[in-house]
Amino acid sequence: MRALPAARQPAPCPPPGAQRSVARSQARRAGGRGEASAGASCRSAEEPRARVGREAGGPGRGDGDGDAVSLCLPGGRQSRWRGRFLLQPAAGAGSGPRDRASEPPRKKRGRRQHGQVIVPILTNKKNHQGWPQVVSQDIVRHVHNLKSTIFTVVGQVDGKTLLPLPAGSEGIEDIDLENEKSMERIDKSLVYAMESAIIDWSHQIQEALKKESSEPLLQGSNPNPKVELEFWKNRCDDLECIYNQLTTRKVRNMMELLERVESSYIPAFKTMLMDVEAALTEAQDVHLHLTPLKRRLEDVERVEFSEVKPFLLPLLHVVCLIWVTSKHYNMPVRIVVLLQEICNLLIEQALVYLSPEDLLKGDMEESLGKVRMVLGILNMFKEAFEERREKLHMYYEPGQEVREWDFSSTMVFARLDTFLKRLEMVEDLLATSLDLMKLEKFEFSGIKGKTLGQQVLDMYEEFQEAYKVFSERTYDCLDLTNTDFEQDAFGFQQKVEDMDRRLGTIFIQAFDDASNLDHAFKLLDMFGSLLERPAVAADAAGKYSVLISMFSRALDHARLIYSRHIQAELKLGSPLCTRTCRRWLERCAGRRSCERESRCRLITSGTSHISAWTLLKEEG
């Protein structure tokens, strides 16, 4: 490899015979640039010695990755050639100047390049030689605007409101405000820049002050309470950052200077500072009182939704304490936002528990049990809220002014009520499907038994075809914005209503074909919960009086048989009459017990709309 001519005279090598030493130093870049040199290494007086030094990077030299190597020949002779090599650390080497872990992030490098490279170059007056003054001033102004914009945007990325200082404020701290001569030398453009900065600051601060935690809800998203806690924590940090910037020594000197020149922007600055102080006090109070809520929310998220019920009352208890103790959070608009976010959290947990994608594709009985479990917990939460609302006065000390929750509960449970309606729709669909699944096992006796059985089997196949729509769909049946499920459920419901009317007709025909009371009871038991469906119940209602009449005739017939037997025993005058009567009384008691069980069976087999009192009355 051919060496390049040396650009400068290499440093003299150590004299021959010097003690062999190895010195190694690594360049650590501060601010992205650095200069490092490695010590010389001479093996012996008769061996060539090399001097390795890392050149400082600069414009046109890359990033300082080149290493200059000069050879020290025996006898102190030096080479006139100088080579430049690229040294790369071996794999697995320790941390060094080129270690990626020690490199600053890309964002910080960009900020540093802008602040330490671009701005100094463009604002340096030596680089403006030969330029018109107007062009030079315009360049400086645009560079300062770019710097301020980048400064502000970087703050927004970090969640902070950064207030850029005006151009020319670098030496504001060195101005002697008590010296009249110093005041006379102040450029009017600096005063104008400071007044313009106050205007820009006011816009930034007003933008930060008008932020509310309800914005995500108003934008259509469904945040949980952790978003509320995070909002007030960030707001507290942001306002504290703004307050610290407005109370720095440089800003105070700027305001004193504006007061000396009797600027009209001083009252606006003082009002702005007071607004920041008030907002900071409010944010600190709210953040302090919302902190205990974090633990209760973690308890709710930690357990499975089926076990969340014991944690709901403590959660509402903390909300009540926040309302009573906080000076700035006891406003309906804020407590309503918090309660809405708690409802959103419960809905999120319920969705995880139900797995909506598989709710209509898995086992119907298991899915129905989960849906009813969620309905019970959510309705219990609404009841607990109403209970806490009524007992809110118990949280106040004697003599303390009581502030009730006088807002409407519909403002809190708007989304939760919609979710409950969707759950009830799914519950009705699953319950209906479970009822219609029984059609597969229907068997009828009598003359029309075969015909009626075939009709029921045809209806079962129609049901299977109608329900297949839900198992083939890939949508989320609990997504409140999804209207496809509602349309499918409406179509399914219409088909079910038609099947219910046909089932009612089949029940009437099967009941009329029943040969005795035992067959009628078997028919009632076979239909079971299907008799509670409105369309079927309307058709079957007329047969209950017939069933009771059949039951009464059977009892009368049993009573007649018993009376005849007793009379026959008495006429015979048998000494065993008493014993026989006792035996028949025992049999009668057993028969009466059987009759009572049959009556209970009648009541529980789809006759819920007829009271037991009516049955007993007609029986008597």
Foldseek 3Di string as FASTA:
>chain_A
DDFAFDPDDDDFDDAFPDDFDFFQDAWADDLQWTWFFGQKGDDGLQDKTKGKTFDTDDVPRPSRQKIKIWIQHHPRDTDRTIHIDGDDDDPPDDDGNPDPVSDDDPVVNVLSCLVPPVLCCLLPVVNCPPPDPVVSVVSNVVSLVVNQVVVQVVQVVVLAGDQDAFPPLPCLLVQDPVDPVSLVPDDVVNLVRRLVSLVVVVVSLVVLLPDDLCVCVVVPHQAALVSVLVVLVSSLVRLVVVLVVCPDPSNVSSLVSCVVVPPPCNVVSVVSNVSSVVSNVLSVLLNVLCVVLVVLLVVQVVDQLLPNQVSLLVNVVSLLVSLAPGPNQVDLVNSLSNLLNNLSSLVVRLCVNLVQQCLLPDDLVVSLVSLVSSLVSLVVSVVSVVVCQVVSVVSDDPPDDDDGNPDDCCSNCVVVVLLSVLSVLVNVVSVLLVLLVLLVVDAADFDCGVVLNVVSVVLSVVLVVLSVVSNPDRDRSSPSVDCVNVVSSVVSVVSSLVVLLVVLVSLVVRCVRDPALVSNLVSLQSSFCSCVPVNNVVSCVVCVVVSLVRLLVVVVVVVVVLVVVLVVLVVVVDPCSVVVVVVVVVVVVVVVVVSVVSLVSVCRRNVVVDDPVVSVVVSD
